[in-house]
Amino acid sequence: MHRAIVASLAVLVLGLAPLKGASATVLPAPGAAAGNPAIYFVDGWWEQEHRSDASDRYWKLSPAKRKQYDRIQAAQNKRDAERRRIEDQNNRAVQDQHRLLGY
């Protein structure tokens, strides 16, 4: 009985011990030889749309560019309102269909 406990504890300890050779990489990291960093920072869509200096940049635009920006924003707002109106109509239509089918 004593041997079984010692053997199971040994298996447990060896099983939980990290194996350095198993976790080591075989190939060097890409770009490591060239001295490049492992992480590349880019301005993706999230960073571009959520900049904290957007209002400052807006007010630094020339009046002509600001009018152009405002026209683009107004067109986007109009399309968003139209999209919401169509989605509301579609949702009401689906509710009517479900009501008719007895859902």
PDB file of N, CA and C in Angstrom:
ATOM      1  N   MET A   1       0.819  -1.192   0.000  1.00  0.00           N
ATOM      2  CA  MET A   1       0.000   0.000   0.000  1.00  0.00           C
ATOM      3  C   MET A   1       0.868   1.264   0.000  1.00  0.00           C
ATOM      4  N   HIS A   2       1.921   1.198   0.815  1.00  0.00           N
ATOM      5  CA  HIS A   2       2.816   2.342   0.924  1.00  0.00           C
ATOM      6  C   HIS A   2       3.498   2.628  -0.414  1.00  0.00           C
ATOM      7  N   ARG A   3       3.870   1.583  -1.147  1.00  0.00           N
ATOM      8  CA  ARG A   3       4.515   1.752  -2.453  1.00  0.00           C
ATOM      9  C   ARG A   3       3.564   2.408  -3.450  1.00  0.00           C
ATOM     10  N   ALA A   4       2.290   2.055  -3.394  1.00  0.00           N
ATOM     11  CA  ALA A   4       1.311   2.633  -4.313  1.00  0.00           C
ATOM     12  C   ALA A   4       1.147   4.127  -4.074  1.00  0.00           C
ATOM     13  N   ILE A   5       1.133   4.537  -2.832  1.00  0.00           N
ATOM     14  CA  ILE A   5       0.998   5.967  -2.507  1.00  0.00           C
ATOM     15  C   ILE A   5       2.240   6.724  -2.967  1.00  0.00           C
ATOM     16  N   VAL A   6       3.430   6.167  -2.698  1.00  0.00           N
ATOM     17  CA  VAL A   6       4.668   6.828  -3.106  1.00  0.00           C
ATOM     18  C   VAL A   6       4.740   6.917  -4.627  1.00  0.00           C
ATOM     19  N   ALA A   7       4.348   5.847  -5.311  1.00  0.00           N
ATOM     20  CA  ALA A   7       4.394   5.845  -6.771  1.00  0.00           C
ATOM     21  C   ALA A   7       3.406   6.853  -7.350  1.00  0.00           C
ATOM     22  N   SER A   8       2.214   6.914  -6.796  1.00  0.00           N
ATOM     23  CA  SER A   8       1.238   7.870  -7.322  1.00  0.00           C
ATOM     24  C   SER A   8       1.661   9.303  -7.037  1.00  0.00           C
ATOM     25  N   LEU A   9       2.270   9.565  -5.878  1.00  0.00           N
ATOM     26  CA  LEU A   9       2.776  10.907  -5.589  1.00  0.00           C
ATOM     27  C   LEU A   9       3.914  11.275  -6.545  1.00  0.00           C
ATOM     28  N   ALA A  10       4.780  10.317  -6.861  1.00  0.00           N
ATOM     29  CA  ALA A  10       5.871  10.579  -7.788  1.00  0.00           C
ATOM     30  C   ALA A  10       5.336  10.908  -9.181  1.00  0.00           C
ATOM     31  N   VAL A  11       4.340  10.167  -9.615  1.00  0.00           N
ATOM     32  CA  VAL A  11       3.725  10.429 -10.918  1.00  0.00           C
ATOM     33  C   VAL A  11       3.058  11.804 -10.917  1.00  0.00           C
ATOM     34  N   LEU A  12       2.399  12.136  -9.825  1.00  0.00           N
ATOM     35  CA  LEU A  12       1.735  13.431  -9.711  1.00  0.00           C
ATOM     36  C   LEU A  12       2.749  14.572  -9.776  1.00  0.00           C
ATOM     37  N   VAL A  13       3.830  14.451  -9.027  1.00  0.00           N
ATOM     38  CA  VAL A  13       4.846  15.507  -9.002  1.00  0.00           C
ATOM     39  C   VAL A  13       5.515  15.637 -10.363  1.00  0.00           C
ATOM     40  N   LEU A  14       5.858  14.511 -10.972  1.00  0.00           N
ATOM     41  CA  LEU A  14       6.493  14.579 -12.281  1.00  0.00           C
ATOM     42  C   LEU A  14       5.527  15.060 -13.363  1.00  0.00           C
ATOM     43  N   GLY A  15       4.275  14.751 -13.205  1.00  0.00           N
ATOM     44  CA  GLY A  15       3.288  15.192 -14.180  1.00  0.00           C
ATOM     45  C   GLY A  15       3.018  16.678 -14.116  1.00  0.00           C
ATOM     46  N   LEU A  16       3.133  17.260 -12.942  1.00  0.00           N
ATOM     47  CA  LEU A  16       2.884  18.692 -12.785  1.00  0.00           C
ATOM     48  C   LEU A  16       4.122  19.544 -13.019  1.00  0.00           C
ATOM     49  N   ALA A  17       5.292  18.920 -13.020  1.00  0.00           N
ATOM     50  CA  ALA A  17       6.524  19.674 -13.219  1.00  0.00           C
ATOM     51  C   ALA A  17       6.607  20.141 -14.675  1.00  0.00           C
ATOM     52  N   PRO A  18       6.963  21.396 -14.897  1.00  0.00           N
ATOM     53  CA  PRO A  18       7.082  21.882 -16.275  1.00  0.00           C
ATOM     54  C   PRO A  18       8.283  21.254 -16.967  1.00  0.00           C
ATOM     55  N   LEU A  19       8.108  20.926 -18.201  1.00  0.00           N
ATOM     56  CA  LEU A  19       9.184  20.372 -19.001  1.00  0.00           C
ATOM     57  C   LEU A  19       9.749  21.482 -19.876  1.00  0.00           C
ATOM     58  N   LYS A  20      10.957  21.894 -19.569  1.00  0.00           N
ATOM     59  CA  LYS A  20      11.544  23.008 -20.291  1.00  0.00           C
ATOM     60  C   LYS A  20      11.769  22.665 -21.761  1.00  0.00           C
ATOM     61  N   GLY A  21      12.155  21.469 -22.049  1.00  0.00           N
ATOM     62  CA  GLY A  21      12.411  21.079 -23.429  1.00  0.00           C
ATOM     63  C   GLY A  21      11.149  21.019 -24.263  1.00  0.00           C
ATOM     64  N   ALA A  22      10.027  20.691 -23.646  1.00  0.00           N
ATOM     65  CA  ALA A  22       8.778  20.572 -24.393  1.00  0.00           C
ATOM     66  C   ALA A  22       8.218  21.931 -24.781  1.00  0.00           C
ATOM     67  N   SER A  23       8.529  22.948 -23.987  1.00  0.00           N
ATOM     68  CA  SER A  23       7.966  24.257 -24.287  1.00  0.00           C
ATOM     69  C   SER A  23       8.907  25.139 -25.104  1.00  0.00           C
ATOM     70  N   ALA A  24      10.117  24.693 -25.313  1.00  0.00           N
ATOM     71  CA  ALA A  24      11.069  25.499 -26.072  1.00  0.00           C
ATOM     72  C   ALA A  24      10.719  25.460 -27.557  1.00  0.00           C
ATOM     73  N   THR A  25      10.919  26.573 -28.227  1.00  0.00           N
ATOM     74  CA  THR A  25      10.631  26.619 -29.654  1.00  0.00           C
ATOM     75  C   THR A  25      11.790  26.031 -30.435  1.00  0.00           C
ATOM     76  N   VAL A  26      11.467  25.449 -31.555  1.00  0.00           N
ATOM     77  CA  VAL A  26      12.486  24.846 -32.403  1.00  0.00           C
ATOM     78  C   VAL A  26      13.093  25.899 -33.319  1.00  0.00           C
ATOM     79  N   LEU A  27      12.262  26.803 -33.813  1.00  0.00           N
ATOM     80  CA  LEU A  27      12.709  27.838 -34.737  1.00  0.00           C
ATOM     81  C   LEU A  27      12.832  29.169 -34.008  1.00  0.00           C
ATOM     82  N   PRO A  28      13.739  30.023 -34.425  1.00  0.00           N
ATOM     83  CA  PRO A  28      13.816  31.345 -33.809  1.00  0.00           C
ATOM     84  C   PRO A  28      12.584  32.170 -34.183  1.00  0.00           C
ATOM     85  N   ALA A  29      12.301  33.133 -33.359  1.00  0.00           N
ATOM     86  CA  ALA A  29      11.147  33.993 -33.610  1.00  0.00           C
ATOM     87  C   ALA A  29      11.361  34.767 -34.901  1.00  0.00           C
ATOM     88  N   PRO A  30      10.301  34.965 -35.699  1.00  0.00           N
ATOM     89  CA  PRO A  30      10.468  35.720 -36.937  1.00  0.00           C
ATOM     90  C   PRO A  30      10.893  37.149 -36.636  1.00  0.00           C
ATOM     91  N   GLY A  31      11.890  37.584 -37.336  1.00  0.00           N
ATOM     92  CA  GLY A  31      12.382  38.948 -37.148  1.00  0.00           C
ATOM     93  C   GLY A  31      13.366  39.085 -36.009  1.00  0.00           C
ATOM     94  N   ALA A  32      13.634  38.001 -35.273  1.00  0.00           N
ATOM     95  CA  ALA A  32      14.547  38.098 -34.139  1.00  0.00           C
ATOM     96  C   ALA A  32      15.970  38.389 -34.609  1.00  0.00           C
ATOM     97  N   ALA A  33      16.359  37.807 -35.718  1.00  0.00           N
ATOM     98  CA  ALA A  33      17.722  38.023 -36.211  1.00  0.00           C
ATOM     99  C   ALA A  33      17.910  39.459 -36.690  1.00  0.00           C
ATOM    100  N   ALA A  34      16.855  40.059 -37.199  1.00  0.00           N
ATOM    101  CA  ALA A  34      16.952  41.418 -37.725  1.00  0.00           C
ATOM    102  C   ALA A  34      16.809  42.463 -36.635  1.00  0.00           C
ATOM    103  N   GLY A  35      16.511  42.057 -35.411  1.00  0.00           N
ATOM    104  CA  GLY A  35      16.364  43.005 -34.317  1.00  0.00           C
ATOM    105  C   GLY A  35      15.007  43.675 -34.287  1.00  0.00           C
ATOM    106  N   ASN A  36      14.031  43.132 -35.000  1.00  0.00           N
ATOM    107  CA  ASN A  36      12.688  43.708 -34.996  1.00  0.00           C
ATOM    108  C   ASN A  36      11.966  43.327 -33.716  1.00  0.00           C
ATOM    109  N   PRO A  37      11.064  44.175 -33.237  1.00  0.00           N
ATOM    110  CA  PRO A  37      10.301  43.798 -32.046  1.00  0.00           C
ATOM    111  C   PRO A  37       9.320  42.675 -32.371  1.00  0.00           C
ATOM    112  N   ALA A  38       8.930  41.952 -31.349  1.00  0.00           N
ATOM    113  CA  ALA A  38       8.003  40.838 -31.540  1.00  0.00           C
ATOM    114  C   ALA A  38       6.583  41.335 -31.739  1.00  0.00           C
ATOM    115  N   ILE A  39       6.294  42.544 -31.282  1.00  0.00           N
ATOM    116  CA  ILE A  39       4.943  43.095 -31.392  1.00  0.00           C
ATOM    117  C   ILE A  39       4.989  44.322 -32.286  1.00  0.00           C
ATOM    118  N   TYR A  40       4.102  44.352 -33.260  1.00  0.00           N
ATOM    119  CA  TYR A  40       4.014  45.489 -34.170  1.00  0.00           C
ATOM    120  C   TYR A  40       2.751  46.274 -33.850  1.00  0.00           C
ATOM    121  N   PHE A  41       2.898  47.542 -33.559  1.00  0.00           N
ATOM    122  CA  PHE A  41       1.744  48.383 -33.255  1.00  0.00           C
ATOM    123  C   PHE A  41       1.284  49.071 -34.535  1.00  0.00           C
ATOM    124  N   VAL A  42       0.003  48.922 -34.830  1.00  0.00           N
ATOM    125  CA  VAL A  42      -0.563  49.546 -36.017  1.00  0.00           C
ATOM    126  C   VAL A  42      -1.816  50.300 -35.609  1.00  0.00           C
ATOM    127  N   ASP A  43      -2.172  51.276 -36.407  1.00  0.00           N
ATOM    128  CA  ASP A  43      -3.423  51.983 -36.191  1.00  0.00           C
ATOM    129  C   ASP A  43      -4.505  51.263 -36.984  1.00  0.00           C
ATOM    130  N   GLY A  44      -5.236  50.401 -36.307  1.00  0.00           N
ATOM    131  CA  GLY A  44      -6.353  49.700 -36.931  1.00  0.00           C
ATOM    132  C   GLY A  44      -7.591  50.560 -36.907  1.00  0.00           C
ATOM    133  N   TRP A  45      -8.727  49.988 -37.297  1.00  0.00           N
ATOM    134  CA  TRP A  45      -9.963  50.776 -37.371  1.00  0.00           C
ATOM    135  C   TRP A  45     -10.367  51.260 -35.993  1.00  0.00           C
ATOM    136  N   TRP A  46     -10.162  50.462 -34.949  1.00  0.00           N
ATOM    137  CA  TRP A  46     -10.571  50.893 -33.603  1.00  0.00           C
ATOM    138  C   TRP A  46      -9.766  52.120 -33.185  1.00  0.00           C
ATOM    139  N   GLU A  47      -8.472  52.082 -33.411  1.00  0.00           N
ATOM    140  CA  GLU A  47      -7.635  53.209 -33.022  1.00  0.00           C
ATOM    141  C   GLU A  47      -7.965  54.460 -33.836  1.00  0.00           C
ATOM    142  N   GLN A  48      -8.282  54.262 -35.110  1.00  0.00           N
ATOM    143  CA  GLN A  48      -8.591  55.407 -35.950  1.00  0.00           C
ATOM    144  C   GLN A  48      -9.927  56.034 -35.566  1.00  0.00           C
ATOM    145  N   GLU A  49     -10.915  55.219 -35.202  1.00  0.00           N
ATOM    146  CA  GLU A  49     -12.236  55.764 -34.892  1.00  0.00           C
ATOM    147  C   GLU A  49     -12.361  56.253 -33.459  1.00  0.00           C
ATOM    148  N   HIS A  50     -11.471  55.868 -32.581  1.00  0.00           N
ATOM    149  CA  HIS A  50     -11.582  56.230 -31.170  1.00  0.00           C
ATOM    150  C   HIS A  50     -10.370  57.030 -30.701  1.00  0.00           C
ATOM    151  N   ARG A  51      -9.957  57.949 -31.514  1.00  0.00           N
ATOM    152  CA  ARG A  51      -8.838  58.812 -31.147  1.00  0.00           C
ATOM    153  C   ARG A  51      -9.332  59.870 -30.187  1.00  0.00           C
ATOM    154  N   SER A  52      -8.531  60.155 -29.197  1.00  0.00           N
ATOM    155  CA  SER A  52      -8.941  61.156 -28.209  1.00  0.00           C
ATOM    156  C   SER A  52      -8.740  62.577 -28.727  1.00  0.00           C
ATOM    157  N   ASP A  53      -7.977  62.744 -29.799  1.00  0.00           N
ATOM    158  CA  ASP A  53      -7.717  64.086 -30.315  1.00  0.00           C
ATOM    159  C   ASP A  53      -8.589  64.434 -31.515  1.00  0.00           C
ATOM    160  N   ALA A  54      -9.665  63.666 -31.746  1.00  0.00           N
ATOM    161  CA  ALA A  54     -10.496  63.894 -32.925  1.00  0.00           C
ATOM    162  C   ALA A  54     -11.140  65.279 -32.904  1.00  0.00           C
ATOM    163  N   SER A  55     -11.621  65.727 -31.747  1.00  0.00           N
ATOM    164  CA  SER A  55     -12.270  67.042 -31.703  1.00  0.00           C
ATOM    165  C   SER A  55     -11.264  68.158 -31.973  1.00  0.00           C
ATOM    166  N   ASP A  56     -10.052  68.004 -31.469  1.00  0.00           N
ATOM    167  CA  ASP A  56      -9.023  69.016 -31.756  1.00  0.00           C
ATOM    168  C   ASP A  56      -8.700  69.062 -33.241  1.00  0.00           C
ATOM    169  N   ARG A  57      -8.610  67.897 -33.848  1.00  0.00           N
ATOM    170  CA  ARG A  57      -8.315  67.844 -35.282  1.00  0.00           C
ATOM    171  C   ARG A  57      -9.457  68.462 -36.094  1.00  0.00           C
ATOM    172  N   TYR A  58     -10.700  68.239 -35.657  1.00  0.00           N
ATOM    173  CA  TYR A  58     -11.850  68.803 -36.366  1.00  0.00           C
ATOM    174  C   TYR A  58     -11.768  70.329 -36.373  1.00  0.00           C
ATOM    175  N   TRP A  59     -11.514  70.916 -35.212  1.00  0.00           N
ATOM    176  CA  TRP A  59     -11.504  72.367 -35.124  1.00  0.00           C
ATOM    177  C   TRP A  59     -10.287  72.990 -35.796  1.00  0.00           C
ATOM    178  N   LYS A  60      -9.263  72.183 -36.083  1.00  0.00           N
ATOM    179  CA  LYS A  60      -8.091  72.704 -36.802  1.00  0.00           C
ATOM    180  C   LYS A  60      -8.272  72.640 -38.315  1.00  0.00           C
ATOM    181  N   LEU A  61      -9.364  72.027 -38.793  1.00  0.00           N
ATOM    182  CA  LEU A  61      -9.622  71.965 -40.232  1.00  0.00           C
ATOM    183  C   LEU A  61      -9.930  73.353 -40.768  1.00  0.00           C
ATOM    184  N   SER A  62      -9.627  73.558 -42.018  1.00  0.00           N
ATOM    185  CA  SER A  62      -9.998  74.817 -42.657  1.00  0.00           C
ATOM    186  C   SER A  62     -11.524  74.841 -42.793  1.00  0.00           C
ATOM    187  N   PRO A  63     -12.123  76.022 -42.921  1.00  0.00           N
ATOM    188  CA  PRO A  63     -13.584  76.093 -43.038  1.00  0.00           C
ATOM    189  C   PRO A  63     -14.136  75.261 -44.191  1.00  0.00           C
ATOM    190  N   ALA A  64     -13.451  75.216 -45.317  1.00  0.00           N
ATOM    191  CA  ALA A  64     -13.927  74.422 -46.456  1.00  0.00           C
ATOM    192  C   ALA A  64     -13.890  72.936 -46.125  1.00  0.00           C
ATOM    193  N   LYS A  65     -12.796  72.488 -45.508  1.00  0.00           N
ATOM    194  CA  LYS A  65     -12.693  71.071 -45.132  1.00  0.00           C
ATOM    195  C   LYS A  65     -13.713  70.722 -44.042  1.00  0.00           C
ATOM    196  N   ARG A  66     -13.975  71.659 -43.127  1.00  0.00           N
ATOM    197  CA  ARG A  66     -14.952  71.413 -42.064  1.00  0.00           C
ATOM    198  C   ARG A  66     -16.354  71.256 -42.661  1.00  0.00           C
ATOM    199  N   LYS A  67     -16.688  72.079 -43.664  1.00  0.00           N
ATOM    200  CA  LYS A  67     -17.991  71.946 -44.335  1.00  0.00           C
ATOM    201  C   LYS A  67     -18.097  70.597 -45.042  1.00  0.00           C
ATOM    202  N   GLN A  68     -17.006  70.189 -45.688  1.00  0.00           N
ATOM    203  CA  GLN A  68     -16.997  68.889 -46.357  1.00  0.00           C
ATOM    204  C   GLN A  68     -17.189  67.772 -45.333  1.00  0.00           C
ATOM    205  N   TYR A  69     -16.503  67.859 -44.199  1.00  0.00           N
ATOM    206  CA  TYR A  69     -16.647  66.869 -43.139  1.00  0.00           C
ATOM    207  C   TYR A  69     -18.087  66.830 -42.638  1.00  0.00           C
ATOM    208  N   ASP A  70     -18.669  68.009 -42.419  1.00  0.00           N
ATOM    209  CA  ASP A  70     -20.040  68.086 -41.927  1.00  0.00           C
ATOM    210  C   ASP A  70     -21.034  67.484 -42.923  1.00  0.00           C
ATOM    211  N   ARG A  71     -20.804  67.715 -44.225  1.00  0.00           N
ATOM    212  CA  ARG A  71     -21.684  67.118 -45.243  1.00  0.00           C
ATOM    213  C   ARG A  71     -21.595  65.597 -45.213  1.00  0.00           C
ATOM    214  N   ILE A  72     -20.381  65.075 -45.098  1.00  0.00           N
ATOM    215  CA  ILE A  72     -20.202  63.621 -45.019  1.00  0.00           C
ATOM    216  C   ILE A  72     -20.903  63.065 -43.790  1.00  0.00           C
ATOM    217  N   GLN A  73     -20.747  63.757 -42.642  1.00  0.00           N
ATOM    218  CA  GLN A  73     -21.383  63.295 -41.405  1.00  0.00           C
ATOM    219  C   GLN A  73     -22.903  63.357 -41.508  1.00  0.00           C
ATOM    220  N   ALA A  74     -23.430  64.405 -42.134  1.00  0.00           N
ATOM    221  CA  ALA A  74     -24.883  64.521 -42.299  1.00  0.00           C
ATOM    222  C   ALA A  74     -25.414  63.387 -43.174  1.00  0.00           C
ATOM    223  N   ALA A  75     -24.690  63.039 -44.227  1.00  0.00           N
ATOM    224  CA  ALA A  75     -25.105  61.930 -45.090  1.00  0.00           C
ATOM    225  C   ALA A  75     -25.084  60.614 -44.321  1.00  0.00           C
ATOM    226  N   GLN A  76     -24.070  60.417 -43.478  1.00  0.00           N
ATOM    227  CA  GLN A  76     -24.013  59.210 -42.657  1.00  0.00           C
ATOM    228  C   GLN A  76     -25.181  59.159 -41.676  1.00  0.00           C
ATOM    229  N   ASN A  77     -25.469  60.284 -41.061  1.00  0.00           N
ATOM    230  CA  ASN A  77     -26.592  60.336 -40.111  1.00  0.00           C
ATOM    231  C   ASN A  77     -27.913  60.019 -40.807  1.00  0.00           C
ATOM    232  N   LYS A  78     -28.077  60.534 -42.023  1.00  0.00           N
ATOM    233  CA  LYS A  78     -29.303  60.274 -42.777  1.00  0.00           C
ATOM    234  C   LYS A  78     -29.425  58.784 -43.107  1.00  0.00           C
ATOM    235  N   ARG A  79     -28.314  58.171 -43.545  1.00  0.00           N
ATOM    236  CA  ARG A  79     -28.340  56.732 -43.846  1.00  0.00           C
ATOM    237  C   ARG A  79     -28.608  55.903 -42.593  1.00  0.00           C
ATOM    238  N   ASP A  80     -28.033  56.303 -41.466  1.00  0.00           N
ATOM    239  CA  ASP A  80     -28.280  55.583 -40.217  1.00  0.00           C
ATOM    240  C   ASP A  80     -29.748  55.663 -39.810  1.00  0.00           C
ATOM    241  N   ALA A  81     -30.350  56.844 -39.960  1.00  0.00           N
ATOM    242  CA  ALA A  81     -31.762  56.997 -39.624  1.00  0.00           C
ATOM    243  C   ALA A  81     -32.630  56.137 -40.540  1.00  0.00           C
ATOM    244  N   GLU A  82     -32.300  56.106 -41.816  1.00  0.00           N
ATOM    245  CA  GLU A  82     -33.042  55.277 -42.776  1.00  0.00           C
ATOM    246  C   GLU A  82     -32.898  53.795 -42.439  1.00  0.00           C
ATOM    247  N   ARG A  83     -31.682  53.404 -42.084  1.00  0.00           N
ATOM    248  CA  ARG A  83     -31.439  52.009 -41.712  1.00  0.00           C
ATOM    249  C   ARG A  83     -32.261  51.620 -40.483  1.00  0.00           C
ATOM    250  N   ARG A  84     -32.300  52.510 -39.473  1.00  0.00           N
ATOM    251  CA  ARG A  84     -33.098  52.225 -38.270  1.00  0.00           C
ATOM    252  C   ARG A  84     -34.578  52.131 -38.607  1.00  0.00           C
ATOM    253  N   ARG A  85     -35.055  53.009 -39.510  1.00  0.00           N
ATOM    254  CA  ARG A  85     -36.465  52.978 -39.895  1.00  0.00           C
ATOM    255  C   ARG A  85     -36.798  51.652 -40.586  1.00  0.00           C
ATOM    256  N   ILE A  86     -35.930  51.212 -41.493  1.00  0.00           N
ATOM    257  CA  ILE A  86     -36.165  49.950 -42.203  1.00  0.00           C
ATOM    258  C   ILE A  86     -36.096  48.772 -41.237  1.00  0.00           C
ATOM    259  N   GLU A  87     -35.134  48.790 -40.311  1.00  0.00           N
ATOM    260  CA  GLU A  87     -35.051  47.709 -39.327  1.00  0.00           C
ATOM    261  C   GLU A  87     -36.297  47.653 -38.455  1.00  0.00           C
ATOM    262  N   ASP A  88     -36.821  48.814 -38.073  1.00  0.00           N
ATOM    263  CA  ASP A  88     -38.048  48.841 -37.283  1.00  0.00           C
ATOM    264  C   ASP A  88     -39.218  48.250 -38.069  1.00  0.00           C
ATOM    265  N   GLN A  89     -39.325  48.603 -39.344  1.00  0.00           N
ATOM    266  CA  GLN A  89     -40.384  48.032 -40.178  1.00  0.00           C
ATOM    267  C   GLN A  89     -40.237  46.521 -40.291  1.00  0.00           C
ATOM    268  N   ASN A  90     -39.018  46.062 -40.498  1.00  0.00           N
ATOM    269  CA  ASN A  90     -38.787  44.621 -40.600  1.00  0.00           C
ATOM    270  C   ASN A  90     -39.124  43.910 -39.297  1.00  0.00           C
ATOM    271  N   ASN A  91     -38.746  44.500 -38.170  1.00  0.00           N
ATOM    272  CA  ASN A  91     -39.062  43.885 -36.875  1.00  0.00           C
ATOM    273  C   ASN A  91     -40.564  43.797 -36.650  1.00  0.00           C
ATOM    274  N   ARG A  92     -41.286  44.855 -37.017  1.00  0.00           N
ATOM    275  CA  ARG A  92     -42.754  44.818 -36.872  1.00  0.00           C
ATOM    276  C   ARG A  92     -43.359  43.765 -37.784  1.00  0.00           C
ATOM    277  N   ALA A  93     -42.822  43.620 -39.013  1.00  0.00           N
ATOM    278  CA  ALA A  93     -43.330  42.620 -39.941  1.00  0.00           C
ATOM    279  C   ALA A  93     -43.094  41.211 -39.401  1.00  0.00           C
ATOM    280  N   VAL A  94     -41.920  40.973 -38.830  1.00  0.00           N
ATOM    281  CA  VAL A  94     -41.635  39.657 -38.254  1.00  0.00           C
ATOM    282  C   VAL A  94     -42.554  39.391 -37.070  1.00  0.00           C
ATOM    283  N   GLN A  95     -42.800  40.387 -36.244  1.00  0.00           N
ATOM    284  CA  GLN A  95     -43.725  40.214 -35.119  1.00  0.00           C
ATOM    285  C   GLN A  95     -45.128  39.891 -35.610  1.00  0.00           C
ATOM    286  N   ASP A  96     -45.569  40.559 -36.677  1.00  0.00           N
ATOM    287  CA  ASP A  96     -46.887  40.255 -37.247  1.00  0.00           C
ATOM    288  C   ASP A  96     -46.942  38.822 -37.771  1.00  0.00           C
ATOM    289  N   GLN A  97     -45.875  38.392 -38.438  1.00  0.00           N
ATOM    290  CA  GLN A  97     -45.829  37.020 -38.932  1.00  0.00           C
ATOM    291  C   GLN A  97     -45.897  36.024 -37.774  1.00  0.00           C
ATOM    292  N   HIS A  98     -45.131  36.293 -36.722  1.00  0.00           N
ATOM    293  CA  HIS A  98     -45.161  35.396 -35.563  1.00  0.00           C
ATOM    294  C   HIS A  98     -46.537  35.386 -34.911  1.00  0.00           C
ATOM    295  N   ARG A  99     -47.163  36.543 -34.837  1.00  0.00           N
ATOM    296  CA  ARG A  99     -48.509  36.610 -34.259  1.00  0.00           C
ATOM    297  C   ARG A  99     -49.482  35.789 -35.093  1.00  0.00           C
ATOM    298  N   LEU A 100     -49.396  35.914 -36.422  1.00  0.00           N
ATOM    299  CA  LEU A 100     -50.290  35.156 -37.292  1.00  0.00           C
ATOM    300  C   LEU A 100     -50.069  33.646 -37.193  1.00  0.00           C
ATOM    301  N   LEU A 101     -48.813  33.246 -36.987  1.00  0.00           N
ATOM    302  CA  LEU A 101     -48.511  31.821 -36.867  1.00  0.00           C
ATOM    303  C   LEU A 101     -48.748  31.274 -35.469  1.00  0.00           C
ATOM    304  N   GLY A 102     -49.047  32.163 -34.542  1.00  0.00           N
ATOM    305  CA  GLY A 102     -49.340  31.726 -33.194  1.00  0.00           C
ATOM    306  C   GLY A 102     -48.103  31.477 -32.337  1.00  0.00           C
ATOM    307  N   TYR A 103     -47.011  32.113 -32.652  1.00  0.00           N
ATOM    308  CA  TYR A 103     -45.797  31.968 -31.830  1.00  0.00           C
ATOM    309  C   TYR A 103     -45.903  32.775 -30.578  1.00  0.00           C
TER     310      TYR A 103
END
